C-alpha atoms as a PDB file:
ATOM      1  CA  MET A   1     -37.601  -5.306 -12.222  1.00  0.00           C
ATOM      2  CA  ALA A   2     -41.491  -5.273 -11.760  1.00  0.00           C
ATOM      3  CA  THR A   3     -43.450  -2.325 -12.870  1.00  0.00           C
ATOM      4  CA  LEU A   4     -44.638  -0.660  -9.542  1.00  0.00           C
ATOM      5  CA  HIS A   5     -43.472   2.764 -10.918  1.00  0.00           C
ATOM      6  CA  PRO A   6     -47.058   4.180 -11.477  1.00  0.00           C
ATOM      7  CA  GLN A   7     -47.998   3.360  -7.977  1.00  0.00           C
ATOM      8  CA  ILE A   8     -45.029   4.776  -6.581  1.00  0.00           C
ATOM      9  CA  GLU A   9     -45.890   8.021  -8.732  1.00  0.00           C
ATOM     10  CA  ARG A  10     -49.320   7.834  -7.540  1.00  0.00           C
ATOM     11  CA  LEU A  11     -48.172   7.792  -3.857  1.00  0.00           C
ATOM     12  CA  ARG A  12     -45.643  10.496  -4.260  1.00  0.00           C
ATOM     13  CA  THR A  13     -48.138  12.417  -5.938  1.00  0.00           C
ATOM     14  CA  ALA A  14     -50.822  11.997  -3.076  1.00  0.00           C
ATOM     15  CA  ARG A  15     -48.171  13.038  -0.523  1.00  0.00           C
ATOM     16  CA  ASP A  16     -47.476  16.393  -2.403  1.00  0.00           C
ATOM     17  CA  ARG A  17     -51.197  16.870  -2.308  1.00  0.00           C
ATOM     18  CA  VAL A  18     -51.216  16.345   1.544  1.00  0.00           C
ATOM     19  CA  VAL A  19     -48.389  18.355   1.603  1.00  0.00           C
ATOM     20  CA  LYS A  20     -50.080  21.292  -0.169  1.00  0.00           C
ATOM     21  CA  LEU A  21     -52.888  21.167   2.574  1.00  0.00           C
ATOM     22  CA  ARG A  22     -50.601  21.652   5.658  1.00  0.00           C
ATOM     23  CA  GLY A  23     -51.320  25.100   6.230  1.00  0.00           C
ATOM     24  CA  ARG A  24     -54.826  24.822   6.053  1.00  0.00           C
ATOM     25  CA  VAL A  25     -54.664  21.480   8.605  1.00  0.00           C
ATOM     26  CA  GLU A  26     -52.651  23.660  10.881  1.00  0.00           C
ATOM     27  CA  MET A  27     -55.541  26.071  10.887  1.00  0.00           C
ATOM     28  CA  SER A  28     -58.309  23.566  11.142  1.00  0.00           C
ATOM     29  CA  LYS A  29     -60.165  23.264  14.774  1.00  0.00           C
ATOM     30  CA  PRO A  30     -58.577  21.079  17.031  1.00  0.00           C
ATOM     31  CA  VAL A  31     -59.794  17.344  17.117  1.00  0.00           C
ATOM     32  CA  PRO A  32     -63.066  16.839  19.296  1.00  0.00           C
ATOM     33  CA  GLU A  33     -63.016  15.259  22.619  1.00  0.00           C
ATOM     34  CA  ASP A  34     -64.918  12.261  21.434  1.00  0.00           C
ATOM     35  CA  LEU A  35     -63.243   9.479  19.556  1.00  0.00           C
ATOM     36  CA  PRO A  36     -63.530   9.215  15.747  1.00  0.00           C
ATOM     37  CA  ARG A  37     -65.367   5.928  15.714  1.00  0.00           C
ATOM     38  CA  SER A  38     -69.230   7.284  15.128  1.00  0.00           C
ATOM     39  CA  ARG A  39     -68.544  10.497  12.934  1.00  0.00           C
ATOM     40  CA  GLU A  40     -66.622  11.643   9.971  1.00  0.00           C
ATOM     41  CA  TRP A  41     -62.936  11.998  10.863  1.00  0.00           C
ATOM     42  CA  VAL A  42     -61.328  15.422  11.092  1.00  0.00           C
ATOM     43  CA  ALA A  43     -58.081  16.394   9.346  1.00  0.00           C
ATOM     44  CA  ARG A  44     -55.617  15.350  11.761  1.00  0.00           C
ATOM     45  CA  GLU A  45     -57.430  12.253  12.371  1.00  0.00           C
ATOM     46  CA  THR A  46     -57.129  11.288   8.706  1.00  0.00           C
ATOM     47  CA  LEU A  47     -53.502  12.460   8.444  1.00  0.00           C
ATOM     48  CA  ALA A  48     -52.701  10.141  11.594  1.00  0.00           C
ATOM     49  CA  HIS A  49     -54.470   7.184   9.625  1.00  0.00           C
ATOM     50  CA  ILE A  50     -52.363   7.768   6.586  1.00  0.00           C
ATOM     51  CA  ASP A  51     -49.102   7.786   8.845  1.00  0.00           C
ATOM     52  CA  GLU A  52     -50.148   4.553  10.408  1.00  0.00           C
ATOM     53  CA  LEU A  53     -51.222   2.791   7.178  1.00  0.00           C
ATOM     54  CA  LEU A  54     -48.156   3.045   5.453  1.00  0.00           C
ATOM     55  CA  PRO A  55     -45.869   1.107   7.988  1.00  0.00           C
ATOM     56  CA  TYR A  56     -48.853  -1.458   8.388  1.00  0.00           C
ATOM     57  CA  TRP A  57     -49.129  -2.203   4.626  1.00  0.00           C
ATOM     58  CA  LEU A  58     -45.225  -2.365   4.189  1.00  0.00           C
ATOM     59  CA  GLY A  59     -45.065  -5.081   6.879  1.00  0.00           C
ATOM     60  CA  GLU A  60     -48.272  -6.953   5.364  1.00  0.00           C
ATOM     61  CA  ILE A  61     -46.508  -7.213   2.263  1.00  0.00           C
ATOM     62  CA  GLU A  62     -43.193  -8.301   3.854  1.00  0.00           C
ATOM     63  CA  ARG A  63     -45.517 -10.980   5.621  1.00  0.00           C
ATOM     64  CA  VAL A  64     -46.456 -12.237   1.970  1.00  0.00           C
ATOM     65  CA  LEU A  65     -43.177 -11.815   0.721  1.00  0.00           C
ATOM     66  CA  ALA A  66     -41.790 -14.271   3.739  1.00  0.00           C
ATOM     67  CA  GLY A  67     -44.576 -16.590   3.614  1.00  0.00           C
ATOM     68  CA  THR A  68     -43.719 -20.067   2.586  1.00  0.00           C
ATOM     69  CA  LYS A  69     -46.926 -21.393   1.458  1.00  0.00           C
ATOM     70  CA  GLU A  70     -49.251 -19.326  -0.631  1.00  0.00           C
ATOM     71  CA  PRO A  71     -51.681 -17.656  -0.351  1.00  0.00           C
ATOM     72  CA  VAL A  72     -50.283 -16.128   2.844  1.00  0.00           C
ATOM     73  CA  PRO A  73     -52.881 -14.731   5.017  1.00  0.00           C
ATOM     74  CA  PHE A  74     -52.404 -11.223   5.689  1.00  0.00           C
ATOM     75  CA  GLY A  75     -54.412  -7.790   6.311  1.00  0.00           C
ATOM     76  CA  ARG A  76     -57.019  -6.276   8.505  1.00  0.00           C
ATOM     77  CA  THR A  77     -60.248  -5.047   8.279  1.00  0.00           C
ATOM     78  CA  SER A  78     -61.549  -1.423   8.778  1.00  0.00           C
ATOM     79  CA  ASN A  79     -62.907  -2.203  12.310  1.00  0.00           C
ATOM     80  CA  ASP A  80     -59.395  -3.512  13.285  1.00  0.00           C
ATOM     81  CA  LEU A  81     -58.830  -2.322  17.068  1.00  0.00           C
ATOM     82  CA  ILE A  82     -55.039  -1.358  16.573  1.00  0.00           C
ATOM     83  CA  ARG A  83     -56.016   0.552  13.587  1.00  0.00           C
ATOM     84  CA  LEU A  84     -58.742   2.518  15.604  1.00  0.00           C
ATOM     85  CA  MET A  85     -56.859   2.843  18.679  1.00  0.00           C
ATOM     86  CA  THR A  86     -53.652   4.185  16.645  1.00  0.00           C
ATOM     87  CA  VAL A  87     -55.769   6.964  15.120  1.00  0.00           C
ATOM     88  CA  ASP A  88     -57.478   7.647  18.456  1.00  0.00           C
ATOM     89  CA  ARG A  89     -53.611   8.035  19.699  1.00  0.00           C
ATOM     90  CA  ASP A  90     -52.156   9.752  17.406  1.00  0.00           C
ATOM     91  CA  ARG A  91     -54.990  12.242  16.404  1.00  0.00           C
ATOM     92  CA  THR A  92     -53.606  14.760  18.770  1.00  0.00           C
ATOM     93  CA  LEU A  93     -50.054  14.993  17.810  1.00  0.00           C
ATOM     94  CA  PRO A  94     -48.595  18.057  16.575  1.00  0.00           C
ATOM     95  CA  VAL A  95     -48.862  18.865  13.100  1.00  0.00           C
ATOM     96  CA  GLY A  96     -45.383  19.130  12.108  1.00  0.00           C
ATOM     97  CA  GLU A  97     -45.107  15.429  13.761  1.00  0.00           C
ATOM     98  CA  LEU A  98     -47.719  13.972  11.809  1.00  0.00           C
ATOM     99  CA  TYR A  99     -45.924  15.375   8.361  1.00  0.00           C
ATOM    100  CA  GLY A 100     -42.773  13.998   9.508  1.00  0.00           C
ATOM    101  CA  ARG A 101     -43.822  10.802   9.961  1.00  0.00           C
ATOM    102  CA  LEU A 102     -45.709  11.016   6.644  1.00  0.00           C
ATOM    103  CA  ASP A 103     -42.499  11.739   4.778  1.00  0.00           C
ATOM    104  CA  ALA A 104     -40.642   9.019   6.691  1.00  0.00           C
ATOM    105  CA  GLY A 105     -43.376   6.446   6.182  1.00  0.00           C
ATOM    106  CA  LEU A 106     -43.587   7.160   2.476  1.00  0.00           C
ATOM    107  CA  ASP A 107     -39.933   7.404   1.929  1.00  0.00           C
ATOM    108  CA  ARG A 108     -39.532   3.903   3.446  1.00  0.00           C
ATOM    109  CA  VAL A 109     -42.507   2.582   1.524  1.00  0.00           C
ATOM    110  CA  VAL A 110     -41.183   3.701  -1.930  1.00  0.00           C
ATOM    111  CA  ARG A 111     -37.304   2.511  -1.401  1.00  0.00           C
ATOM    112  CA  ARG A 112     -38.769  -1.198  -0.560  1.00  0.00           C
ATOM    113  CA  LEU A 113     -41.037  -1.282  -3.275  1.00  0.00           C
ATOM    114  CA  LEU A 114     -38.313  -0.089  -5.840  1.00  0.00           C
ATOM    115  CA  GLU A 115     -36.434  -3.348  -4.738  1.00  0.00           C
ATOM    116  CA  LEU A 116     -38.934  -5.756  -5.648  1.00  0.00           C
ATOM    117  CA  ASP A 117     -38.749  -7.972  -8.552  1.00  0.00           C
ATOM    118  CA  ASP A 118     -41.548  -9.311 -11.079  1.00  0.00           C
ATOM    119  CA  ARG A 119     -41.531 -12.707  -8.953  1.00  0.00           C
ATOM    120  CA  GLN A 120     -42.031 -11.123  -5.559  1.00  0.00           C
ATOM    121  CA  CYS A 121     -44.863  -8.848  -6.979  1.00  0.00           C
ATOM    122  CA  GLY A 122     -46.620 -11.819  -8.194  1.00  0.00           C
ATOM    123  CA  ARG A 123     -46.607 -13.386  -4.736  1.00  0.00           C
ATOM    124  CA  ARG A 124     -49.939 -14.397  -3.260  1.00  0.00           C
ATOM    125  CA  GLY A 125     -51.860 -13.220  -0.280  1.00  0.00           C
ATOM    126  CA  LEU A 126     -55.034 -14.061   1.134  1.00  0.00           C
ATOM    127  CA  HIS A 127     -56.989 -10.887   2.734  1.00  0.00           C
ATOM    128  CA  PRO A 128     -59.941 -11.667   5.225  1.00  0.00           C
ATOM    129  CA  GLN A 129     -62.428  -9.857   3.128  1.00  0.00           C
ATOM    130  CA  ARG A 130     -60.695  -9.071  -0.586  1.00  0.00           C
ATOM    131  CA  GLY A 131     -59.606 -12.525  -0.939  1.00  0.00           C
ATOM    132  CA  GLU A 132     -56.299 -13.579  -2.806  1.00  0.00           C
ATOM    133  CA  MET A 133     -54.366 -10.703  -4.042  1.00  0.00           C
ATOM    134  CA  THR A 134     -50.693 -10.615  -5.516  1.00  0.00           C
ATOM    135  CA  VAL A 135     -48.346  -8.305  -3.841  1.00  0.00           C
ATOM    136  CA  GLN A 136     -48.573  -5.913  -6.772  1.00  0.00           C
ATOM    137  CA  GLN A 137     -52.515  -5.825  -5.942  1.00  0.00           C
ATOM    138  CA  ILE A 138     -51.892  -4.961  -2.418  1.00  0.00           C
ATOM    139  CA  VAL A 139     -49.745  -2.228  -3.460  1.00  0.00           C
ATOM    140  CA  GLU A 140     -52.431  -0.945  -5.847  1.00  0.00           C
ATOM    141  CA  VAL A 141     -55.343  -1.147  -3.334  1.00  0.00           C
ATOM    142  CA  MET A 142     -54.070  -1.003  -0.003  1.00  0.00           C
ATOM    143  CA  LEU A 143     -51.303   1.716  -0.469  1.00  0.00           C
ATOM    144  CA  ALA A 144     -51.822   3.748  -3.871  1.00  0.00           C
ATOM    145  CA  ALA A 145     -55.774   4.142  -4.160  1.00  0.00           C
ATOM    146  CA  HIS A 146     -56.224   3.999  -0.286  1.00  0.00           C
ATOM    147  CA  ILE A 147     -54.035   6.975   0.199  1.00  0.00           C
ATOM    148  CA  GLU A 148     -55.525   8.688  -2.712  1.00  0.00           C
ATOM    149  CA  GLU A 149     -58.905   8.045  -1.161  1.00  0.00           C
ATOM    150  CA  HIS A 150     -57.718   9.686   2.225  1.00  0.00           C
ATOM    151  CA  CYS A 151     -56.181  12.704   0.265  1.00  0.00           C
ATOM    152  CA  GLU A 152     -59.603  13.278  -1.065  1.00  0.00           C
ATOM    153  CA  GLN A 153     -61.113  12.936   2.569  1.00  0.00           C
ATOM    154  CA  LEU A 154     -58.743  15.025   4.048  1.00  0.00           C
ATOM    155  CA  ALA A 155     -59.591  17.962   1.681  1.00  0.00           C
ATOM    156  CA  VAL A 156     -63.201  17.250   2.056  1.00  0.00           C
ATOM    157  CA  SER A 157     -63.197  17.693   5.775  1.00  0.00           C
ATOM    158  CA  LEU A 158     -60.724  20.878   5.515  1.00  0.00           C
ATOM    159  CA  ASP A 159     -63.607  22.347   3.114  1.00  0.00           C
ATOM    160  CA  ARG A 160     -66.222  21.351   5.475  1.00  0.00           C
ATOM    161  CA  GLY A 161     -64.561  23.060   8.258  1.00  0.00           C
ATOM    162  CA  ILE A 162     -64.248  26.050   6.210  1.00  0.00           C
ATOM    163  CA  ALA A 163     -68.068  26.224   5.294  1.00  0.00           C
ATOM    164  CA  ALA A 164     -68.718  25.676   8.917  1.00  0.00           C
ATOM    165  CA  LYS A 165     -66.829  28.861   9.800  1.00  0.00           C
ATOM    166  CA  ALA A 166     -68.744  30.857   7.210  1.00  0.00           C
END
């Protein structure tokens, strides 16, 4: 079996960190009326993005695994319209729903990653900006590191909100 265990542990640690912030997210101010495309995201928008990126990148991993000719085209860029519209839509969901989606999405990702063998982890995809990546690199960059970055973003946005109230 491939060793995705370090990335899986990082995903679980990131989820735990987001869960510890739940009370602060619930107490944070409501999302602004304007869409989050031209400003820093508030906590609920970051959480909505984390929720949508989990199934998205798992699907892209499946695309690479199912491809018949390597490298398999996969992925998106930060200005992807569906990505932006999903965050726009889900940013006003109740916090409990956002956290429920986080748990369900992460559990599904972890279950699937634990099934992958070395051959599957070595399959290659072709990202429009990052170029050729193995499945293991996709897990590292698009899931583990990506969620860690957004955990930090979430904490910073909550700290900024506290500073603004003071």
